[in-house]
Protein backbone atom coordinates (compact mmCIF):
# COMPACT_ATOMS: atom_id res chain seq x y z
CA UNK A 1 -7.92 -17.81 -7.60
CA UNK A 2 -5.99 -20.57 -5.81
CA UNK A 3 -4.04 -19.08 -2.92
CA UNK A 4 -1.85 -21.06 -0.55
CA UNK A 5 -1.73 -19.65 3.01
CA UNK A 6 1.39 -17.62 3.71
CA UNK A 7 4.16 -18.96 5.88
CA UNK A 8 3.97 -16.04 8.31
CA UNK A 9 1.07 -13.92 9.47
CA UNK A 10 0.90 -11.30 12.20
CA UNK A 11 -2.33 -10.33 13.95
CA UNK A 12 -2.29 -6.61 14.66
CA UNK A 13 -2.49 -5.88 18.38
CA UNK A 14 -4.99 -3.07 17.88
CA UNK A 15 -7.70 -2.15 15.41
CA UNK A 16 -6.34 -0.22 12.44
CA UNK A 17 -7.70 3.33 11.93
CA UNK A 18 -8.19 4.31 8.28
CA UNK A 19 -8.16 7.62 6.42
CA UNK A 20 -11.84 7.11 5.54
CA UNK A 21 -12.72 7.37 9.23
CA UNK A 22 -13.52 3.68 9.43
CA UNK A 23 -11.60 1.09 11.41
CA UNK A 24 -10.32 -2.29 10.30
CA UNK A 25 -10.98 -4.78 13.09
CA UNK A 26 -8.80 -7.83 13.66
CA UNK A 27 -6.51 -7.22 10.71
CA UNK A 28 -3.65 -9.58 9.84
CA UNK A 29 -0.50 -8.84 7.87
CA UNK A 30 1.17 -11.66 5.94
CA UNK A 31 4.92 -11.33 5.53
CA UNK A 32 8.19 -13.04 4.69
CA UNK A 33 11.67 -12.42 6.06
CA UNK A 34 15.14 -13.18 4.71
CA UNK A 35 18.45 -12.98 6.58
CA UNK A 36 19.11 -12.75 10.30
CA UNK A 37 18.04 -9.82 12.45
CA UNK A 38 20.97 -8.29 14.34
CA UNK A 39 20.88 -8.32 18.13
CA UNK A 40 20.46 -4.54 18.19
CA UNK A 41 17.80 -4.80 15.44
CA UNK A 42 19.66 -2.22 13.36
CA UNK A 43 19.90 -4.11 10.06
CA UNK A 44 16.24 -4.41 9.02
CA UNK A 45 15.30 -3.43 5.47
CA UNK A 46 11.63 -3.19 4.53
CA UNK A 47 10.73 -3.86 0.89
CA UNK A 48 7.34 -2.55 -0.23
CA UNK A 49 5.70 -4.30 -3.15
CA UNK A 50 3.91 -2.92 -6.20
CA UNK A 51 0.22 -3.20 -7.14
CA UNK A 52 0.18 -6.87 -8.11
CA UNK A 53 3.12 -7.92 -5.94
CA UNK A 54 3.18 -9.71 -2.61
CA UNK A 55 5.45 -10.77 0.22
CA UNK A 56 7.25 -13.42 -1.84
CA UNK A 57 10.01 -11.11 -2.95
CA UNK A 58 12.76 -13.73 -2.94
CA UNK A 59 11.03 -17.07 -2.46
CA UNK A 60 8.87 -19.31 -4.62
CA UNK A 61 5.33 -18.06 -5.05
CA UNK A 62 2.96 -20.67 -3.58
CA UNK A 63 0.19 -20.08 -6.12
CA UNK A 64 2.28 -20.03 -9.31
CA UNK A 65 5.46 -21.91 -8.41
CA UNK A 66 7.48 -19.07 -9.96
CA UNK A 67 10.54 -17.42 -8.36
CA UNK A 68 10.07 -14.38 -6.15
CA UNK A 69 9.33 -11.15 -7.99
CA UNK A 70 12.68 -9.56 -7.03
CA UNK A 71 14.74 -12.66 -6.45
CA UNK A 72 17.58 -11.27 -8.54
CA UNK A 73 17.83 -8.30 -6.14
CA UNK A 74 17.44 -9.97 -2.72
CA UNK A 75 19.65 -12.73 -1.34
CA UNK A 76 23.16 -13.62 -0.19
CA UNK A 77 25.68 -11.44 -1.99
CA UNK A 78 22.99 -9.68 -4.03
CA UNK A 79 22.38 -5.91 -4.07
CA UNK A 80 20.08 -6.23 -1.05
CA UNK A 81 22.41 -8.63 0.72
CA UNK A 82 20.73 -11.00 3.17
CA UNK A 83 24.14 -11.87 4.59
CA UNK A 84 24.11 -8.33 5.97
CA UNK A 85 20.46 -7.29 6.13
CA UNK A 86 17.30 -8.70 7.65
CA UNK A 87 14.80 -8.18 4.83
CA UNK A 88 11.07 -7.91 5.50
CA UNK A 89 8.41 -7.88 2.80
CA UNK A 90 4.73 -7.82 3.72
CA UNK A 91 1.52 -8.16 1.74
CA UNK A 92 -0.39 -4.87 2.02
CA UNK A 93 -3.85 -4.71 3.52
CA UNK A 94 -6.47 -4.90 0.80
CA UNK A 95 -4.48 -7.50 -1.10
CA UNK A 96 -5.09 -11.22 -1.38
CA UNK A 97 -2.01 -13.17 -0.30
CA UNK A 98 -2.79 -13.52 3.39
CA UNK A 99 -3.20 -9.95 4.60
CA UNK A 100 -6.71 -8.78 5.41
CA UNK A 101 -8.56 -7.75 2.27
CA UNK A 102 -11.90 -8.05 0.49
CA UNK A 103 -11.62 -11.85 0.27
CA UNK A 104 -11.02 -12.16 4.02
CA UNK A 105 -13.79 -12.99 6.44
CA UNK A 106 -15.25 -10.00 8.21
CA UNK A 107 -16.37 -9.93 11.84
CA UNK A 108 -19.57 -11.77 10.84
CA UNK A 109 -17.59 -14.68 9.40
CA UNK A 110 -18.48 -13.91 5.79
CA UNK A 111 -16.08 -12.53 3.15
CA UNK A 112 -15.98 -8.75 3.17
CA UNK A 113 -16.42 -8.32 -0.56
CA UNK A 114 -17.40 -4.70 -1.20
CA UNK A 115 -18.10 -4.19 2.48
CA UNK A 116 -14.33 -3.89 2.91
CA UNK A 117 -13.49 -0.25 3.66
CA UNK A 118 -11.82 1.84 0.98
CA UNK A 119 -8.15 2.21 1.85
CA UNK A 120 -5.27 4.54 1.00
CA UNK A 121 -1.53 4.16 0.58
CA UNK A 122 -1.14 5.72 4.02
CA UNK A 123 -3.47 3.04 5.44
CA UNK A 124 -1.26 0.36 3.89
CA UNK A 125 1.76 1.92 5.59
CA UNK A 126 -0.11 2.08 8.89
CA UNK A 127 -0.44 -1.67 8.60
CA UNK A 128 3.27 -2.05 7.85
CA UNK A 129 4.21 0.15 10.82
CA UNK A 130 1.96 -1.95 13.05
CA UNK A 131 3.75 -5.06 11.77
CA UNK A 132 7.15 -3.52 12.55
CA UNK A 133 5.91 -2.68 16.04
CA UNK A 134 4.81 -6.27 16.48
CA UNK A 135 8.24 -7.48 15.36
CA UNK A 136 9.97 -5.12 17.78
CA UNK A 137 11.69 -3.08 15.06
CA UNK A 138 11.62 0.61 15.94
CA UNK A 139 13.89 1.89 13.19
CA UNK A 140 14.69 0.44 9.80
CA UNK A 141 18.12 0.60 8.24
CA UNK A 142 16.19 1.32 5.06
CA UNK A 143 12.92 1.10 3.19
CA UNK A 144 12.90 0.21 -0.51
CA UNK A 145 10.02 0.32 -2.98
CA UNK A 146 9.33 0.43 -6.69
CA UNK A 147 6.13 1.74 -8.29
CA UNK A 148 3.36 1.49 -5.65
CA UNK A 149 6.07 0.30 -3.28
CA UNK A 150 7.80 3.64 -3.81
CA UNK A 151 4.60 5.41 -2.81
CA UNK A 152 4.62 3.44 0.42
CA UNK A 153 8.27 4.31 1.03
CA UNK A 154 7.53 8.01 0.54
CA UNK A 155 4.48 7.80 2.80
CA UNK A 156 6.54 6.14 5.52
CA UNK A 157 9.22 8.84 5.27
CA UNK A 158 6.65 11.64 5.36
CA UNK A 159 4.32 10.35 8.07
CA UNK A 160 6.66 8.24 10.22
CA UNK A 161 9.96 10.06 9.60
CA UNK A 162 11.75 8.44 12.52
CA UNK A 163 11.22 4.90 11.27
CA UNK A 164 13.79 4.65 8.43
CA UNK A 165 17.36 5.80 8.00
CA UNK A 166 17.42 5.34 4.21
CA UNK A 167 14.58 5.71 1.73
CA UNK A 168 15.02 4.27 -1.76
CA UNK A 169 12.24 5.08 -4.24
CA UNK A 170 12.35 3.52 -7.73
CA UNK A 171 10.11 4.31 -10.70
CA UNK A 172 7.47 5.98 -8.60
CA UNK A 173 5.58 9.21 -7.97
CA UNK A 174 4.26 11.45 -5.20
CA UNK A 175 0.78 11.54 -6.72
CA UNK A 176 -1.28 9.82 -9.38
CA UNK A 177 -1.87 11.79 -12.55
CA UNK A 178 -5.14 12.03 -14.47
CA UNK A 179 -3.72 9.58 -17.02
CA UNK A 180 -2.87 7.06 -14.31
CA UNK A 181 -6.36 7.35 -12.84
CA UNK A 182 -7.90 6.94 -16.30
CA UNK A 183 -6.10 3.67 -17.01
CA UNK A 184 -7.11 2.31 -13.61
CA UNK A 185 -10.72 3.25 -14.21
CA UNK A 186 -10.75 1.29 -17.48
CA UNK A 187 -9.57 -1.77 -15.54
CA UNK A 188 -12.10 -1.32 -12.76
CA UNK A 189 -14.96 -0.92 -15.19
CA UNK A 190 -13.88 -4.09 -17.02
CA UNK A 191 -14.09 -6.01 -13.75
CA UNK A 192 -17.42 -4.53 -12.66
CA UNK A 193 -18.95 -5.12 -16.10
CA UNK A 194 -18.17 -8.84 -15.88
CA UNK A 195 -21.40 -10.68 -14.87
CA UNK A 196 -19.30 -12.91 -12.65
CA UNK A 197 -18.40 -9.96 -10.44
CA UNK A 198 -21.90 -10.00 -8.92
CA UNK A 199 -21.39 -6.64 -7.18
CA UNK A 200 -18.31 -8.10 -5.48
CA UNK A 201 -20.17 -10.97 -3.85
CA UNK A 202 -18.73 -13.87 -5.85
CA UNK A 203 -16.75 -15.79 -3.22
CA UNK A 204 -19.39 -18.47 -2.68
CA UNK A 205 -20.07 -18.81 -6.40
CA UNK A 206 -18.45 -20.93 -9.08
CA UNK A 207 -18.50 -17.88 -11.36
CA UNK A 208 -15.67 -15.36 -11.00
CA UNK A 209 -15.02 -12.12 -12.88
CA UNK A 210 -11.95 -13.62 -14.52
CA UNK A 211 -12.66 -12.14 -17.94
CA UNK A 212 -12.93 -8.63 -16.53
CA UNK A 213 -9.85 -9.05 -14.37
CA UNK A 214 -7.87 -10.37 -17.35
CA UNK A 215 -8.80 -7.32 -19.42
CA UNK A 216 -7.85 -5.03 -16.53
CA UNK A 217 -4.46 -6.71 -16.33
CA UNK A 218 -3.96 -6.46 -20.09
CA UNK A 219 -4.69 -2.74 -20.12
CA UNK A 220 -2.43 -2.07 -17.14
CA UNK A 221 0.38 -4.22 -18.51
CA UNK A 222 0.63 -2.01 -21.59
CA UNK A 223 1.47 0.94 -19.30
CA UNK A 224 4.31 -1.01 -17.70
CA UNK A 225 6.10 -1.40 -21.04
CA UNK A 226 7.54 0.99 -23.60
CA UNK A 227 6.91 1.40 -27.31
CA UNK A 228 10.56 0.60 -27.93
CA UNK A 229 10.34 -2.56 -25.86
CA UNK A 230 7.12 -3.74 -27.49
CA UNK A 231 8.49 -3.09 -30.97
CA UNK A 232 11.76 -4.84 -30.25
CA UNK A 233 10.07 -7.85 -28.64
CA UNK A 234 7.02 -8.27 -30.89
CA UNK A 235 6.86 -5.75 -33.71
CA UNK A 236 4.05 -6.78 -36.05
CA UNK A 237 5.10 -10.41 -36.09
CA UNK A 238 2.35 -12.99 -36.37
CA UNK A 239 1.69 -15.67 -33.76
CA UNK A 240 2.09 -19.26 -35.03
CA UNK A 241 0.83 -18.45 -38.52
CA UNK A 242 2.11 -17.18 -41.85
CA UNK A 243 -0.81 -14.93 -42.71
CA UNK A 244 -3.58 -13.05 -40.94
CA UNK A 245 -6.66 -15.14 -40.18
CA UNK A 246 -9.25 -12.47 -41.02
CA UNK A 247 -10.81 -13.22 -37.63
CA UNK A 248 -10.52 -11.97 -34.07
CA UNK A 249 -8.08 -14.67 -32.99
CA UNK A 250 -4.73 -13.55 -31.63
CA UNK A 251 -3.06 -13.01 -34.99
CA UNK A 252 -0.19 -10.94 -33.61
CA UNK A 253 2.41 -12.01 -31.06
CA UNK A 254 1.67 -8.97 -28.91
CA UNK A 255 -2.01 -9.96 -28.73
CA UNK A 256 -1.12 -13.48 -27.64
CA UNK A 257 1.29 -12.10 -25.04
CA UNK A 258 -1.32 -9.82 -23.50
CA UNK A 259 -3.91 -12.60 -23.38
CA UNK A 260 -1.37 -14.82 -21.63
CA UNK A 261 -0.64 -12.08 -19.10
CA UNK A 262 -4.34 -11.58 -18.42
CA UNK A 263 -5.29 -15.24 -18.01
CA UNK A 264 -2.30 -16.01 -15.81
CA UNK A 265 -3.08 -13.08 -13.53
CA UNK A 266 -6.52 -14.45 -12.69
CA UNK A 267 -4.88 -17.53 -11.16
CA UNK A 268 -3.14 -15.55 -8.43
CA UNK A 269 -5.07 -12.34 -7.79
CA UNK A 270 -8.48 -11.36 -6.47
CA UNK A 271 -10.62 -9.03 -8.59
CA UNK A 272 -11.94 -7.07 -5.60
CA UNK A 273 -8.40 -6.56 -4.34
CA UNK A 274 -7.55 -5.09 -7.72
CA UNK A 275 -10.41 -2.60 -7.33
CA UNK A 276 -9.35 -1.56 -3.84
CA UNK A 277 -5.62 -1.27 -4.48
CA UNK A 278 -5.99 0.72 -7.70
CA UNK A 279 -8.35 3.07 -5.87
CA UNK A 280 -5.78 3.53 -3.10
CA UNK A 281 -3.15 4.43 -5.70
CA UNK A 282 -5.49 6.91 -7.38
CA UNK A 283 -6.15 8.63 -4.06
CA UNK A 284 -2.42 9.00 -3.41
CA UNK A 285 -1.33 12.64 -3.35
CA UNK A 286 1.40 13.27 -0.79
CA UNK A 287 1.24 17.05 -1.24
CA UNK A 288 -2.51 17.14 -0.66
CA UNK A 289 -2.01 15.18 2.56
CA UNK A 290 0.32 17.94 3.80
CA UNK A 291 -1.41 21.21 3.04
CA UNK A 292 -1.01 21.18 -0.73
CA UNK A 293 2.78 21.56 -0.85
CA UNK A 294 4.99 18.51 -1.38
CA UNK A 295 7.93 20.03 0.50
CA UNK A 296 5.75 20.12 3.63
CA UNK A 297 5.53 16.32 3.50
CA UNK A 298 9.27 16.00 4.08
CA UNK A 299 9.75 18.80 6.61
CA UNK A 300 10.32 16.29 9.43
CA UNK A 301 12.41 13.80 7.41
CA UNK A 302 15.84 15.40 7.65
CA UNK A 303 17.38 12.53 9.60
CA UNK A 304 16.93 10.19 6.63
CA UNK A 305 18.87 9.83 3.39
CA UNK A 306 16.91 9.55 0.15
CA UNK A 307 17.68 8.04 -3.23
CA UNK A 308 15.26 8.54 -6.12
CA UNK A 309 15.61 6.47 -9.29
CA UNK A 310 13.74 6.81 -12.59
CA UNK A 311 13.98 5.23 -16.06
CA UNK A 312 14.09 7.17 -19.30
CA UNK A 313 11.45 5.01 -21.04
CA UNK A 314 8.97 4.92 -18.14
CA UNK A 315 5.91 6.83 -19.32
CA UNK A 316 3.72 5.65 -16.44
CA UNK A 317 5.83 7.48 -13.83
CA UNK A 318 8.21 9.53 -15.98
CA UNK A 319 11.38 11.19 -14.77
CA UNK A 320 9.56 14.50 -14.32
CA UNK A 321 7.65 12.91 -11.43
CA UNK A 322 10.90 11.85 -9.76
CA UNK A 323 12.40 15.31 -10.23
CA UNK A 324 9.34 16.78 -8.53
CA UNK A 325 10.09 14.64 -5.47
CA UNK A 326 13.78 15.57 -5.56
CA UNK A 327 13.00 19.30 -5.73
CA UNK A 328 10.69 19.00 -2.71
CA UNK A 329 13.38 17.16 -0.75
CA UNK A 330 15.97 19.78 -1.71
CA UNK A 331 13.62 22.54 -0.62
CA UNK A 332 13.53 21.12 2.89
CA UNK A 333 17.28 20.48 3.13
CA UNK A 334 17.02 16.71 2.98
CA UNK A 335 19.95 14.61 1.80
CA UNK A 336 18.94 13.19 -1.56
CA UNK A 337 20.62 11.61 -4.55
CA UNK A 338 18.90 11.16 -7.89
CA UNK A 339 19.64 9.12 -10.99
CA UNK A 340 17.81 8.56 -14.24
CA UNK A 341 18.79 5.22 -15.75
CA UNK A 342 18.57 4.25 -19.38
CA UNK A 343 16.54 1.11 -20.09
CA UNK A 344 14.40 -0.07 -23.02
CA UNK A 345 11.67 -1.75 -20.99
CA UNK A 346 9.65 1.15 -19.59
CA UNK A 347 8.19 1.06 -16.10
CA UNK A 348 8.93 -2.64 -15.62
CA UNK A 349 12.66 -1.94 -15.90
CA UNK A 350 13.02 -1.99 -12.11
CA UNK A 351 11.96 -5.64 -12.06
CA UNK A 352 14.28 -6.75 -14.85
CA UNK A 353 18.07 -7.30 -14.89
CA UNK A 354 19.83 -3.94 -14.84
CA UNK A 355 23.45 -3.70 -13.69
CA UNK A 356 23.35 0.04 -13.06
CA UNK A 357 20.28 -0.29 -10.85
CA UNK A 358 21.99 -3.09 -8.95
CA UNK A 359 24.97 -0.83 -8.28
CA UNK A 360 22.73 2.04 -7.16
CA UNK A 361 20.77 -0.15 -4.74
CA UNK A 362 23.89 -1.79 -3.30
CA UNK A 363 25.76 1.48 -2.96
CA UNK A 364 22.90 3.34 -1.33
CA UNK A 365 22.07 0.68 1.26
CA UNK A 366 25.70 -0.05 2.09
CA UNK A 367 27.10 3.46 1.88
């Protein structure tokens, strides 16, 4: 993995307490900002990234040279308008784009590897809140997140209810299902079965668990798509050939696509970070954190407005999961709007061009 240092990094003023009971010492949070912060600091919007995302939401990624992962959504005149808002996007702890994670040096000067403490979504948000404190931002105009980013937005609203005036959650859930956990476990086992993983201690070695990480990415990527989208894009069409090869080459276009996704991912992501972040997502259960009832999580959030968005072809976090969140918010008298959007591309629809989503995001943040 070839990672260029981030342009901004904030050293947390205090050690970060974790849900495991451990403490993360000397943690740093890497972040990017877009747009000017108002004098009264009232126009800040925090964007929380998904599992394999990072802080480069609207700027060129230093490792790949590709545009930011939500560049179509963030910028001057765009749905999250940087002419109006000061946008902050930070790399979560446990990740590998500048924030403290398994690849970072521990207090002894050696990479943490598997000595890095197991973290939760709430721990990630603790890091984000500490960053906001360091930036002098007491209250956000809004927090926005899709997928794992939506989990962070919900956690912020539940555990730090005074910190955001608007909470926009897209294609997300309040807890990971058994199916979600199962897919993640397949990916983790692929990484740990790779001889290059070396029990997580591979940073000083030329060998890396790239094959395992690629397989993990391939398996996960299938869950981000829909059957309709895969059929429309690939069907059973062959890749650069007129007949099957009667071998285990990538005969089909969909096979070639998945292999490309897997190999490209190893160039920008750390295998240990993948283990830790997927584990944090699997542990996420907002109801369990608040006595077993999801409505309890939002009992102190009545000063915020919520918008929950789902997609009809998302089978990773289907609309039923979003409705569960909406019902809990309604039960506690919170102001919430909900929309299910039609899209052919499954879970990844929130990252792709979608005019209705653009209108929802713009309307909610500017309303």
